[in-house]
PDB file of N, CA and C in Angstrom:
ATOM      1  N   MET A   1     -14.103   6.500   1.185  1.00  0.00           N
ATOM      2  CA  MET A   1     -13.483   5.639   2.176  1.00  0.00           C
ATOM      3  C   MET A   1     -12.746   6.528   3.180  1.00  0.00           C
ATOM      4  N   ASN A   2     -12.937   6.272   4.447  1.00  0.00           N
ATOM      5  CA  ASN A   2     -12.268   7.058   5.483  1.00  0.00           C
ATOM      6  C   ASN A   2     -10.916   6.435   5.857  1.00  0.00           C
ATOM      7  N   LEU A   3     -10.197   7.115   6.727  1.00  0.00           N
ATOM      8  CA  LEU A   3      -8.871   6.649   7.145  1.00  0.00           C
ATOM      9  C   LEU A   3      -8.929   5.233   7.713  1.00  0.00           C
ATOM     10  N   ALA A   4      -9.892   4.979   8.586  1.00  0.00           N
ATOM     11  CA  ALA A   4     -10.004   3.656   9.215  1.00  0.00           C
ATOM     12  C   ALA A   4     -10.137   2.564   8.162  1.00  0.00           C
ATOM     13  N   ASP A   5     -11.007   2.786   7.178  1.00  0.00           N
ATOM     14  CA  ASP A   5     -11.217   1.792   6.120  1.00  0.00           C
ATOM     15  C   ASP A   5      -9.979   1.633   5.243  1.00  0.00           C
ATOM     16  N   LYS A   6      -9.342   2.755   4.920  1.00  0.00           N
ATOM     17  CA  LYS A   6      -8.151   2.690   4.065  1.00  0.00           C
ATOM     18  C   LYS A   6      -7.039   1.886   4.735  1.00  0.00           C
ATOM     19  N   VAL A   7      -6.811   2.130   6.011  1.00  0.00           N
ATOM     20  CA  VAL A   7      -5.757   1.400   6.729  1.00  0.00           C
ATOM     21  C   VAL A   7      -6.093  -0.089   6.769  1.00  0.00           C
ATOM     22  N   ARG A   8      -7.335  -0.421   7.119  1.00  0.00           N
ATOM     23  CA  ARG A   8      -7.733  -1.828   7.215  1.00  0.00           C
ATOM     24  C   ARG A   8      -7.635  -2.521   5.849  1.00  0.00           C
ATOM     25  N   VAL A   9      -8.184  -1.888   4.814  1.00  0.00           N
ATOM     26  CA  VAL A   9      -8.175  -2.496   3.476  1.00  0.00           C
ATOM     27  C   VAL A   9      -6.747  -2.698   2.982  1.00  0.00           C
ATOM     28  N   LYS A  10      -5.906  -1.685   3.106  1.00  0.00           N
ATOM     29  CA  LYS A  10      -4.513  -1.814   2.644  1.00  0.00           C
ATOM     30  C   LYS A  10      -3.757  -2.868   3.445  1.00  0.00           C
ATOM     31  N   ARG A  11      -3.996  -2.913   4.745  1.00  0.00           N
ATOM     32  CA  ARG A  11      -3.344  -3.928   5.582  1.00  0.00           C
ATOM     33  C   ARG A  11      -3.770  -5.323   5.134  1.00  0.00           C
ATOM     34  N   GLU A  12      -5.055  -5.506   4.892  1.00  0.00           N
ATOM     35  CA  GLU A  12      -5.550  -6.811   4.459  1.00  0.00           C
ATOM     36  C   GLU A  12      -5.050  -7.181   3.064  1.00  0.00           C
ATOM     37  N   GLU A  13      -4.957  -6.196   2.172  1.00  0.00           N
ATOM     38  CA  GLU A  13      -4.410  -6.451   0.832  1.00  0.00           C
ATOM     39  C   GLU A  13      -2.984  -6.974   0.924  1.00  0.00           C
ATOM     40  N   LYS A  14      -2.248  -6.500   1.913  1.00  0.00           N
ATOM     41  CA  LYS A  14      -0.860  -6.928   2.100  1.00  0.00           C
ATOM     42  C   LYS A  14      -0.761  -8.172   2.981  1.00  0.00           C
ATOM     43  N   GLU A  15      -1.936  -8.698   3.348  1.00  0.00           N
ATOM     44  CA  GLU A  15      -2.023  -9.916   4.168  1.00  0.00           C
ATOM     45  C   GLU A  15      -1.228  -9.781   5.461  1.00  0.00           C
ATOM     46  N   MET A  16      -1.361  -8.604   6.093  1.00  0.00           N
ATOM     47  CA  MET A  16      -0.694  -8.342   7.368  1.00  0.00           C
ATOM     48  C   MET A  16      -1.721  -8.366   8.491  1.00  0.00           C
ATOM     49  N   THR A  17      -1.287  -8.799   9.641  1.00  0.00           N
ATOM     50  CA  THR A  17      -2.112  -8.678  10.837  1.00  0.00           C
ATOM     51  C   THR A  17      -1.919  -7.271  11.402  1.00  0.00           C
ATOM     52  N   GLN A  18      -2.774  -6.906  12.337  1.00  0.00           N
ATOM     53  CA  GLN A  18      -2.579  -5.618  12.998  1.00  0.00           C
ATOM     54  C   GLN A  18      -1.233  -5.589  13.710  1.00  0.00           C
ATOM     55  N   ALA A  19      -0.852  -6.702  14.299  1.00  0.00           N
ATOM     56  CA  ALA A  19       0.431  -6.770  15.005  1.00  0.00           C
ATOM     57  C   ALA A  19       1.596  -6.563  14.040  1.00  0.00           C
ATOM     58  N   GLU A  20       1.506  -7.140  12.847  1.00  0.00           N
ATOM     59  CA  GLU A  20       2.574  -6.975  11.855  1.00  0.00           C
ATOM     60  C   GLU A  20       2.655  -5.532  11.377  1.00  0.00           C
ATOM     61  N   LEU A  21       1.495  -4.907  11.151  1.00  0.00           N
ATOM     62  CA  LEU A  21       1.494  -3.510  10.746  1.00  0.00           C
ATOM     63  C   LEU A  21       2.049  -2.636  11.865  1.00  0.00           C
ATOM     64  N   ALA A  22       1.696  -2.965  13.090  1.00  0.00           N
ATOM     65  CA  ALA A  22       2.217  -2.205  14.228  1.00  0.00           C
ATOM     66  C   ALA A  22       3.742  -2.269  14.257  1.00  0.00           C
ATOM     67  N   LYS A  23       4.280  -3.453  14.101  1.00  0.00           N
ATOM     68  CA  LYS A  23       5.741  -3.617  14.129  1.00  0.00           C
ATOM     69  C   LYS A  23       6.402  -2.853  12.982  1.00  0.00           C
ATOM     70  N   LYS A  24       5.814  -2.959  11.795  1.00  0.00           N
ATOM     71  CA  LYS A  24       6.394  -2.316  10.622  1.00  0.00           C
ATOM     72  C   LYS A  24       6.300  -0.787  10.698  1.00  0.00           C
ATOM     73  N   SER A  25       5.254  -0.280  11.352  1.00  0.00           N
ATOM     74  CA  SER A  25       5.050   1.166  11.419  1.00  0.00           C
ATOM     75  C   SER A  25       5.625   1.801  12.682  1.00  0.00           C
ATOM     76  N   GLY A  26       5.968   0.965  13.666  1.00  0.00           N
ATOM     77  CA  GLY A  26       6.476   1.502  14.919  1.00  0.00           C
ATOM     78  C   GLY A  26       5.371   1.990  15.847  1.00  0.00           C
ATOM     79  N   LEU A  27       4.125   1.673  15.510  1.00  0.00           N
ATOM     80  CA  LEU A  27       2.994   2.009  16.374  1.00  0.00           C
ATOM     81  C   LEU A  27       2.623   0.765  17.172  1.00  0.00           C
ATOM     82  N   THR A  28       1.748   0.912  18.132  1.00  0.00           N
ATOM     83  CA  THR A  28       1.328  -0.264  18.893  1.00  0.00           C
ATOM     84  C   THR A  28       0.151  -0.937  18.200  1.00  0.00           C
ATOM     85  N   GLN A  29      -0.043  -2.218  18.496  1.00  0.00           N
ATOM     86  CA  GLN A  29      -1.179  -2.939  17.936  1.00  0.00           C
ATOM     87  C   GLN A  29      -2.479  -2.313  18.418  1.00  0.00           C
ATOM     88  N   ALA A  30      -2.501  -1.843  19.647  1.00  0.00           N
ATOM     89  CA  ALA A  30      -3.698  -1.191  20.182  1.00  0.00           C
ATOM     90  C   ALA A  30      -4.021   0.073  19.388  1.00  0.00           C
ATOM     91  N   THR A  31      -3.003   0.816  19.009  1.00  0.00           N
ATOM     92  CA  THR A  31      -3.214   2.026  18.211  1.00  0.00           C
ATOM     93  C   THR A  31      -3.769   1.670  16.840  1.00  0.00           C
ATOM     94  N   ILE A  32      -3.210   0.636  16.210  1.00  0.00           N
ATOM     95  CA  ILE A  32      -3.711   0.196  14.906  1.00  0.00           C
ATOM     96  C   ILE A  32      -5.178  -0.199  15.035  1.00  0.00           C
ATOM     97  N   SER A  33      -5.503  -0.942  16.065  1.00  0.00           N
ATOM     98  CA  SER A  33      -6.879  -1.366  16.298  1.00  0.00           C
ATOM     99  C   SER A  33      -7.811  -0.166  16.458  1.00  0.00           C
ATOM    100  N   ARG A  34      -7.376   0.805  17.227  1.00  0.00           N
ATOM    101  CA  ARG A  34      -8.188   2.006  17.463  1.00  0.00           C
ATOM    102  C   ARG A  34      -8.344   2.833  16.184  1.00  0.00           C
ATOM    103  N   ILE A  35      -7.315   2.869  15.353  1.00  0.00           N
ATOM    104  CA  ILE A  35      -7.412   3.581  14.069  1.00  0.00           C
ATOM    105  C   ILE A  35      -8.425   2.875  13.177  1.00  0.00           C
ATOM    106  N   GLU A  36      -8.279   1.555  13.039  1.00  0.00           N
ATOM    107  CA  GLU A  36      -9.157   0.796  12.148  1.00  0.00           C
ATOM    108  C   GLU A  36     -10.610   0.790  12.612  1.00  0.00           C
ATOM    109  N   SER A  37     -10.838   0.881  13.887  1.00  0.00           N
ATOM    110  CA  SER A  37     -12.212   0.896  14.398  1.00  0.00           C
ATOM    111  C   SER A  37     -12.836   2.283  14.298  1.00  0.00           C
ATOM    112  N   GLY A  38     -12.018   3.289  13.996  1.00  0.00           N
ATOM    113  CA  GLY A  38     -12.511   4.656  13.922  1.00  0.00           C
ATOM    114  C   GLY A  38     -12.573   5.332  15.277  1.00  0.00           C
ATOM    115  N   GLU A  39     -12.137   4.621  16.300  1.00  0.00           N
ATOM    116  CA  GLU A  39     -12.161   5.154  17.667  1.00  0.00           C
ATOM    117  C   GLU A  39     -11.179   6.315  17.830  1.00  0.00           C
ATOM    118  N   LEU A  40     -10.039   6.222  17.159  1.00  0.00           N
ATOM    119  CA  LEU A  40      -8.996   7.246  17.267  1.00  0.00           C
ATOM    120  C   LEU A  40      -9.241   8.290  16.182  1.00  0.00           C
ATOM    121  N   LYS A  41      -9.660   9.453  16.587  1.00  0.00           N
ATOM    122  CA  LYS A  41     -10.033  10.519  15.640  1.00  0.00           C
ATOM    123  C   LYS A  41      -8.877  11.462  15.331  1.00  0.00           C
ATOM    124  N   GLN A  42      -8.042  11.741  16.300  1.00  0.00           N
ATOM    125  CA  GLN A  42      -6.906  12.643  16.138  1.00  0.00           C
ATOM    126  C   GLN A  42      -5.627  11.818  16.047  1.00  0.00           C
ATOM    127  N   ILE A  43      -5.009  11.826  14.886  1.00  0.00           N
ATOM    128  CA  ILE A  43      -3.795  11.041  14.678  1.00  0.00           C
ATOM    129  C   ILE A  43      -2.674  11.997  14.281  1.00  0.00           C
ATOM    130  N   LYS A  44      -1.561  11.890  14.965  1.00  0.00           N
ATOM    131  CA  LYS A  44      -0.427  12.767  14.688  1.00  0.00           C
ATOM    132  C   LYS A  44       0.096  12.519  13.275  1.00  0.00           C
ATOM    133  N   SER A  45       0.620  13.570  12.673  1.00  0.00           N
ATOM    134  CA  SER A  45       1.127  13.464  11.307  1.00  0.00           C
ATOM    135  C   SER A  45       2.259  12.453  11.207  1.00  0.00           C
ATOM    136  N   GLU A  46       3.067  12.337  12.241  1.00  0.00           N
ATOM    137  CA  GLU A  46       4.152  11.353  12.229  1.00  0.00           C
ATOM    138  C   GLU A  46       3.599   9.931  12.156  1.00  0.00           C
ATOM    139  N   ALA A  47       2.508   9.667  12.843  1.00  0.00           N
ATOM    140  CA  ALA A  47       1.882   8.339  12.795  1.00  0.00           C
ATOM    141  C   ALA A  47       1.308   8.067  11.404  1.00  0.00           C
ATOM    142  N   ILE A  48       0.720   9.070  10.791  1.00  0.00           N
ATOM    143  CA  ILE A  48       0.197   8.937   9.426  1.00  0.00           C
ATOM    144  C   ILE A  48       1.335   8.601   8.467  1.00  0.00           C
ATOM    145  N   LYS A  49       2.453   9.305   8.610  1.00  0.00           N
ATOM    146  CA  LYS A  49       3.615   9.051   7.750  1.00  0.00           C
ATOM    147  C   LYS A  49       4.124   7.623   7.928  1.00  0.00           C
ATOM    148  N   ARG A  50       4.207   7.170   9.167  1.00  0.00           N
ATOM    149  CA  ARG A  50       4.686   5.806   9.438  1.00  0.00           C
ATOM    150  C   ARG A  50       3.746   4.761   8.833  1.00  0.00           C
ATOM    151  N   LEU A  51       2.437   4.983   8.984  1.00  0.00           N
ATOM    152  CA  LEU A  51       1.465   4.061   8.392  1.00  0.00           C
ATOM    153  C   LEU A  51       1.601   4.045   6.874  1.00  0.00           C
ATOM    154  N   ALA A  52       1.753   5.218   6.285  1.00  0.00           N
ATOM    155  CA  ALA A  52       1.878   5.309   4.832  1.00  0.00           C
ATOM    156  C   ALA A  52       3.080   4.512   4.335  1.00  0.00           C
ATOM    157  N   VAL A  53       4.214   4.665   4.990  1.00  0.00           N
ATOM    158  CA  VAL A  53       5.419   3.919   4.590  1.00  0.00           C
ATOM    159  C   VAL A  53       5.200   2.422   4.760  1.00  0.00           C
ATOM    160  N   ALA A  54       4.623   2.016   5.872  1.00  0.00           N
ATOM    161  CA  ALA A  54       4.409   0.594   6.151  1.00  0.00           C
ATOM    162  C   ALA A  54       3.425  -0.035   5.171  1.00  0.00           C
ATOM    163  N   LEU A  55       2.478   0.761   4.668  1.00  0.00           N
ATOM    164  CA  LEU A  55       1.460   0.241   3.757  1.00  0.00           C
ATOM    165  C   LEU A  55       1.780   0.523   2.286  1.00  0.00           C
ATOM    166  N   ASN A  56       2.922   1.163   2.015  1.00  0.00           N
ATOM    167  CA  ASN A  56       3.316   1.547   0.653  1.00  0.00           C
ATOM    168  C   ASN A  56       2.256   2.406  -0.026  1.00  0.00           C
ATOM    169  N   VAL A  57       1.775   3.403   0.698  1.00  0.00           N
ATOM    170  CA  VAL A  57       0.852   4.383   0.151  1.00  0.00           C
ATOM    171  C   VAL A  57       1.386   5.758   0.533  1.00  0.00           C
ATOM    172  N   THR A  58       0.731   6.795   0.050  1.00  0.00           N
ATOM    173  CA  THR A  58       1.143   8.131   0.449  1.00  0.00           C
ATOM    174  C   THR A  58       0.286   8.599   1.624  1.00  0.00           C
ATOM    175  N   ALA A  59       0.821   9.511   2.385  1.00  0.00           N
ATOM    176  CA  ALA A  59       0.052  10.103   3.479  1.00  0.00           C
ATOM    177  C   ALA A  59      -1.164  10.833   2.916  1.00  0.00           C
ATOM    178  N   ASP A  60      -0.998  11.468   1.760  1.00  0.00           N
ATOM    179  CA  ASP A  60      -2.124  12.150   1.114  1.00  0.00           C
ATOM    180  C   ASP A  60      -3.267  11.185   0.830  1.00  0.00           C
ATOM    181  N   PHE A  61      -2.935   9.981   0.391  1.00  0.00           N
ATOM    182  CA  PHE A  61      -3.976   8.988   0.141  1.00  0.00           C
ATOM    183  C   PHE A  61      -4.712   8.644   1.437  1.00  0.00           C
ATOM    184  N   LEU A  62      -3.963   8.423   2.509  1.00  0.00           N
ATOM    185  CA  LEU A  62      -4.596   8.024   3.765  1.00  0.00           C
ATOM    186  C   LEU A  62      -5.555   9.085   4.294  1.00  0.00           C
ATOM    187  N   ILE A  63      -5.185  10.340   4.194  1.00  0.00           N
ATOM    188  CA  ILE A  63      -6.025  11.388   4.785  1.00  0.00           C
ATOM    189  C   ILE A  63      -6.915  12.091   3.774  1.00  0.00           C
ATOM    190  N   GLY A  64      -6.716  11.810   2.487  1.00  0.00           N
ATOM    191  CA  GLY A  64      -7.499  12.487   1.456  1.00  0.00           C
ATOM    192  C   GLY A  64      -8.831  11.817   1.164  1.00  0.00           C
ATOM    193  N   ASP A  65      -9.512  12.376   0.186  1.00  0.00           N
ATOM    194  CA  ASP A  65     -10.844  11.902  -0.184  1.00  0.00           C
ATOM    195  C   ASP A  65     -10.837  10.821  -1.257  1.00  0.00           C
ATOM    196  N   LEU A  66      -9.705  10.589  -1.877  1.00  0.00           N
ATOM    197  CA  LEU A  66      -9.663   9.617  -2.972  1.00  0.00           C
ATOM    198  C   LEU A  66      -9.808   8.190  -2.451  1.00  0.00           C
ATOM    199  N   PRO A  67     -10.647   7.372  -3.096  1.00  0.00           N
ATOM    200  CA  PRO A  67     -10.835   5.986  -2.647  1.00  0.00           C
ATOM    201  C   PRO A  67      -9.648   5.089  -2.973  1.00  0.00           C
ATOM    202  N   LYS A  68      -8.849   5.486  -3.954  1.00  0.00           N
ATOM    203  CA  LYS A  68      -7.630   4.726  -4.250  1.00  0.00           C
ATOM    204  C   LYS A  68      -6.578   5.666  -4.800  1.00  0.00           C
ATOM    205  N   MET A  69      -5.337   5.225  -4.736  1.00  0.00           N
ATOM    206  CA  MET A  69      -4.238   6.066  -5.198  1.00  0.00           C
ATOM    207  C   MET A  69      -4.209   6.081  -6.712  1.00  0.00           C
ATOM    208  N   ASP A  70      -3.805   7.214  -7.267  1.00  0.00           N
ATOM    209  CA  ASP A  70      -3.602   7.249  -8.708  1.00  0.00           C
ATOM    210  C   ASP A  70      -2.213   6.678  -9.016  1.00  0.00           C
ATOM    211  N   PHE A  71      -1.924   6.542 -10.273  1.00  0.00           N
ATOM    212  CA  PHE A  71      -0.669   5.913 -10.701  1.00  0.00           C
ATOM    213  C   PHE A  71       0.552   6.634 -10.141  1.00  0.00           C
ATOM    214  N   ASP A  72       0.561   7.964 -10.214  1.00  0.00           N
ATOM    215  CA  ASP A  72       1.717   8.732  -9.733  1.00  0.00           C
ATOM    216  C   ASP A  72       1.936   8.543  -8.235  1.00  0.00           C
ATOM    217  N   ASP A  73       0.839   8.524  -7.467  1.00  0.00           N
ATOM    218  CA  ASP A  73       0.959   8.296  -6.018  1.00  0.00           C
ATOM    219  C   ASP A  73       1.517   6.910  -5.733  1.00  0.00           C
ATOM    220  N   ALA A  74       1.015   5.923  -6.459  1.00  0.00           N
ATOM    221  CA  ALA A  74       1.478   4.551  -6.257  1.00  0.00           C
ATOM    222  C   ALA A  74       2.971   4.445  -6.564  1.00  0.00           C
ATOM    223  N   LEU A  75       3.386   5.068  -7.632  1.00  0.00           N
ATOM    224  CA  LEU A  75       4.796   5.032  -8.013  1.00  0.00           C
ATOM    225  C   LEU A  75       5.664   5.742  -6.977  1.00  0.00           C
ATOM    226  N   ARG A  76       5.195   6.860  -6.452  1.00  0.00           N
ATOM    227  CA  ARG A  76       5.942   7.613  -5.445  1.00  0.00           C
ATOM    228  C   ARG A  76       6.069   6.839  -4.139  1.00  0.00           C
ATOM    229  N   ALA A  77       5.053   6.059  -3.805  1.00  0.00           N
ATOM    230  CA  ALA A  77       5.008   5.385  -2.507  1.00  0.00           C
ATOM    231  C   ALA A  77       5.732   4.052  -2.474  1.00  0.00           C
ATOM    232  N   ASP A  78       5.965   3.443  -3.620  1.00  0.00           N
ATOM    233  CA  ASP A  78       6.460   2.065  -3.644  1.00  0.00           C
ATOM    234  C   ASP A  78       7.818   1.979  -4.335  1.00  0.00           C
ATOM    235  N   GLU A  79       8.850   1.658  -3.551  1.00  0.00           N
ATOM    236  CA  GLU A  79      10.211   1.559  -4.098  1.00  0.00           C
ATOM    237  C   GLU A  79      10.312   0.472  -5.167  1.00  0.00           C
ATOM    238  N   THR A  80       9.613  -0.629  -4.988  1.00  0.00           N
ATOM    239  CA  THR A  80       9.651  -1.710  -5.975  1.00  0.00           C
ATOM    240  C   THR A  80       9.100  -1.231  -7.312  1.00  0.00           C
ATOM    241  N   ALA A  81       8.012  -0.485  -7.268  1.00  0.00           N
ATOM    242  CA  ALA A  81       7.425   0.047  -8.499  1.00  0.00           C
ATOM    243  C   ALA A  81       8.416   0.969  -9.211  1.00  0.00           C
ATOM    244  N   LYS A  82       9.139   1.761  -8.439  1.00  0.00           N
ATOM    245  CA  LYS A  82      10.130   2.656  -9.031  1.00  0.00           C
ATOM    246  C   LYS A  82      11.188   1.858  -9.797  1.00  0.00           C
ATOM    247  N   VAL A  83      11.681   0.805  -9.177  1.00  0.00           N
ATOM    248  CA  VAL A  83      12.710  -0.026  -9.813  1.00  0.00           C
ATOM    249  C   VAL A  83      12.163  -0.669 -11.087  1.00  0.00           C
ATOM    250  N   ILE A  84      10.947  -1.185 -10.998  1.00  0.00           N
ATOM    251  CA  ILE A  84      10.339  -1.850 -12.153  1.00  0.00           C
ATOM    252  C   ILE A  84      10.183  -0.880 -13.315  1.00  0.00           C
ATOM    253  N   PHE A  85       9.649   0.296 -13.044  1.00  0.00           N
ATOM    254  CA  PHE A  85       9.395   1.225 -14.136  1.00  0.00           C
ATOM    255  C   PHE A  85      10.664   1.849 -14.697  1.00  0.00           C
ATOM    256  N   ARG A  86      11.679   2.012 -13.867  1.00  0.00           N
ATOM    257  CA  ARG A  86      12.958   2.500 -14.400  1.00  0.00           C
ATOM    258  C   ARG A  86      13.583   1.468 -15.322  1.00  0.00           C
ATOM    259  N   GLY A  87      13.493   0.201 -14.938  1.00  0.00           N
ATOM    260  CA  GLY A  87      14.048  -0.862 -15.760  1.00  0.00           C
ATOM    261  C   GLY A  87      13.233  -1.129 -17.005  1.00  0.00           C
ATOM    262  N   TYR A  88      11.940  -0.914 -16.926  1.00  0.00           N
ATOM    263  CA  TYR A  88      11.033  -1.178 -18.039  1.00  0.00           C
ATOM    264  C   TYR A  88      11.449  -0.415 -19.295  1.00  0.00           C
ATOM    265  N   GLU A  89      11.874   0.811 -19.109  1.00  0.00           N
ATOM    266  CA  GLU A  89      12.273   1.645 -20.241  1.00  0.00           C
ATOM    267  C   GLU A  89      13.432   1.043 -21.029  1.00  0.00           C
ATOM    268  N   LYS A  90      14.233   0.226 -20.367  1.00  0.00           N
ATOM    269  CA  LYS A  90      15.427  -0.336 -20.997  1.00  0.00           C
ATOM    270  C   LYS A  90      15.169  -1.663 -21.700  1.00  0.00           C
ATOM    271  N   LEU A  91      13.947  -2.196 -21.566  1.00  0.00           N
ATOM    272  CA  LEU A  91      13.635  -3.511 -22.116  1.00  0.00           C
ATOM    273  C   LEU A  91      13.164  -3.437 -23.566  1.00  0.00           C
ATOM    274  N   THR A  92      13.378  -4.529 -24.273  1.00  0.00           N
ATOM    275  CA  THR A  92      12.861  -4.639 -25.641  1.00  0.00           C
ATOM    276  C   THR A  92      11.363  -4.925 -25.580  1.00  0.00           C
ATOM    277  N   GLU A  93      10.694  -4.839 -26.713  1.00  0.00           N
ATOM    278  CA  GLU A  93       9.255  -5.136 -26.763  1.00  0.00           C
ATOM    279  C   GLU A  93       8.974  -6.567 -26.307  1.00  0.00           C
ATOM    280  N   ASP A  94       9.802  -7.521 -26.716  1.00  0.00           N
ATOM    281  CA  ASP A  94       9.608  -8.917 -26.298  1.00  0.00           C
ATOM    282  C   ASP A  94       9.771  -9.062 -24.784  1.00  0.00           C
ATOM    283  N   GLU A  95      10.768  -8.390 -24.225  1.00  0.00           N
ATOM    284  CA  GLU A  95      10.979  -8.452 -22.774  1.00  0.00           C
ATOM    285  C   GLU A  95       9.816  -7.800 -22.023  1.00  0.00           C
ATOM    286  N   ARG A  96       9.296  -6.718 -22.570  1.00  0.00           N
ATOM    287  CA  ARG A  96       8.142  -6.064 -21.945  1.00  0.00           C
ATOM    288  C   ARG A  96       6.917  -6.978 -21.981  1.00  0.00           C
ATOM    289  N   ARG A  97       6.743  -7.675 -23.065  1.00  0.00           N
ATOM    290  CA  ARG A  97       5.633  -8.624 -23.183  1.00  0.00           C
ATOM    291  C   ARG A  97       5.771  -9.742 -22.146  1.00  0.00           C
ATOM    292  N   GLU A  98       6.994 -10.206 -21.926  1.00  0.00           N
ATOM    293  CA  GLU A  98       7.243 -11.235 -20.906  1.00  0.00           C
ATOM    294  C   GLU A  98       6.866 -10.725 -19.513  1.00  0.00           C
ATOM    295  N   ILE A  99       7.230  -9.480 -19.228  1.00  0.00           N
ATOM    296  CA  ILE A  99       6.878  -8.881 -17.938  1.00  0.00           C
ATOM    297  C   ILE A  99       5.361  -8.818 -17.797  1.00  0.00           C
ATOM    298  N   ARG A 100       4.678  -8.338 -18.835  1.00  0.00           N
ATOM    299  CA  ARG A 100       3.212  -8.255 -18.792  1.00  0.00           C
ATOM    300  C   ARG A 100       2.596  -9.625 -18.562  1.00  0.00           C
ATOM    301  N   ASP A 101       3.080 -10.630 -19.290  1.00  0.00           N
ATOM    302  CA  ASP A 101       2.548 -11.992 -19.137  1.00  0.00           C
ATOM    303  C   ASP A 101       2.777 -12.522 -17.727  1.00  0.00           C
ATOM    304  N   PHE A 102       3.935 -12.229 -17.160  1.00  0.00           N
ATOM    305  CA  PHE A 102       4.241 -12.698 -15.815  1.00  0.00           C
ATOM    306  C   PHE A 102       3.346 -12.021 -14.786  1.00  0.00           C
ATOM    307  N   VAL A 103       3.129 -10.718 -14.941  1.00  0.00           N
ATOM    308  CA  VAL A 103       2.241 -10.002 -14.022  1.00  0.00           C
ATOM    309  C   VAL A 103       0.829 -10.555 -14.122  1.00  0.00           C
ATOM    310  N   GLU A 104       0.356 -10.802 -15.320  1.00  0.00           N
ATOM    311  CA  GLU A 104      -0.981 -11.380 -15.504  1.00  0.00           C
ATOM    312  C   GLU A 104      -1.067 -12.757 -14.854  1.00  0.00           C
ATOM    313  N   TYR A 105      -0.006 -13.543 -14.978  1.00  0.00           N
ATOM    314  CA  TYR A 105       0.040 -14.858 -14.333  1.00  0.00           C
ATOM    315  C   TYR A 105      -0.061 -14.724 -12.809  1.00  0.00           C
ATOM    316  N   LEU A 106       0.708 -13.796 -12.228  1.00  0.00           N
ATOM    317  CA  LEU A 106       0.682 -13.605 -10.776  1.00  0.00           C
ATOM    318  C   LEU A 106      -0.690 -13.138 -10.291  1.00  0.00           C
ATOM    319  N   VAL A 107      -1.313 -12.221 -11.033  1.00  0.00           N
ATOM    320  CA  VAL A 107      -2.639 -11.732 -10.653  1.00  0.00           C
ATOM    321  C   VAL A 107      -3.654 -12.869 -10.722  1.00  0.00           C
ATOM    322  N   ASP A 108      -3.583 -13.660 -11.782  1.00  0.00           N
ATOM    323  CA  ASP A 108      -4.499 -14.794 -11.936  1.00  0.00           C
ATOM    324  C   ASP A 108      -4.289 -15.815 -10.821  1.00  0.00           C
ATOM    325  N   LYS A 109      -3.047 -16.080 -10.481  1.00  0.00           N
ATOM    326  CA  LYS A 109      -2.717 -17.016  -9.403  1.00  0.00           C
ATOM    327  C   LYS A 109      -3.296 -16.524  -8.082  1.00  0.00           C
ATOM    328  N   LYS A 110      -3.198 -15.234  -7.831  1.00  0.00           N
ATOM    329  CA  LYS A 110      -3.725 -14.663  -6.585  1.00  0.00           C
ATOM    330  C   LYS A 110      -5.249 -14.785  -6.526  1.00  0.00           C
ATOM    331  N   LYS A 111      -5.910 -14.592  -7.663  1.00  0.00           N
ATOM    332  CA  LYS A 111      -7.368 -14.704  -7.724  1.00  0.00           C
ATOM    333  C   LYS A 111      -7.834 -16.116  -7.384  1.00  0.00           C
ATOM    334  N   LYS A 112      -7.026 -17.105  -7.738  1.00  0.00           N
ATOM    335  CA  LYS A 112      -7.401 -18.507  -7.525  1.00  0.00           C
ATOM    336  C   LYS A 112      -7.217 -18.966  -6.090  1.00  0.00           C
ATOM    337  N   LYS A 113      -6.507 -18.158  -5.285  1.00  0.00           N
ATOM    338  CA  LYS A 113      -6.258 -18.535  -3.886  1.00  0.00           C
ATOM    339  C   LYS A 113      -7.524 -18.584  -3.092  1.00  0.00           C
TER     340      LYS A 113
END
């Protein structure tokens, strides 16, 4: 997957429009469009960093060859994931099971949409 596809797929996964991603990243909607279409070949590192933060991915993921982020990259890129995993260690087995069940419920609910 190339940069254009990664940006588009991640944006769509987050149910954002190009305009919303532009606002969140500080780039213009036209720039987002040009990136996603593959028209923009040279992208400044600062723009890559902004896109990565806005999409909760790493810059390495956006410009690298990997089709998806590994667990460590995902954890590094997402503040919510950090909070969840730090708290997870403090939970009992029953509480962890509740978290797992809730996540499975949310994933199933999303699939039904």
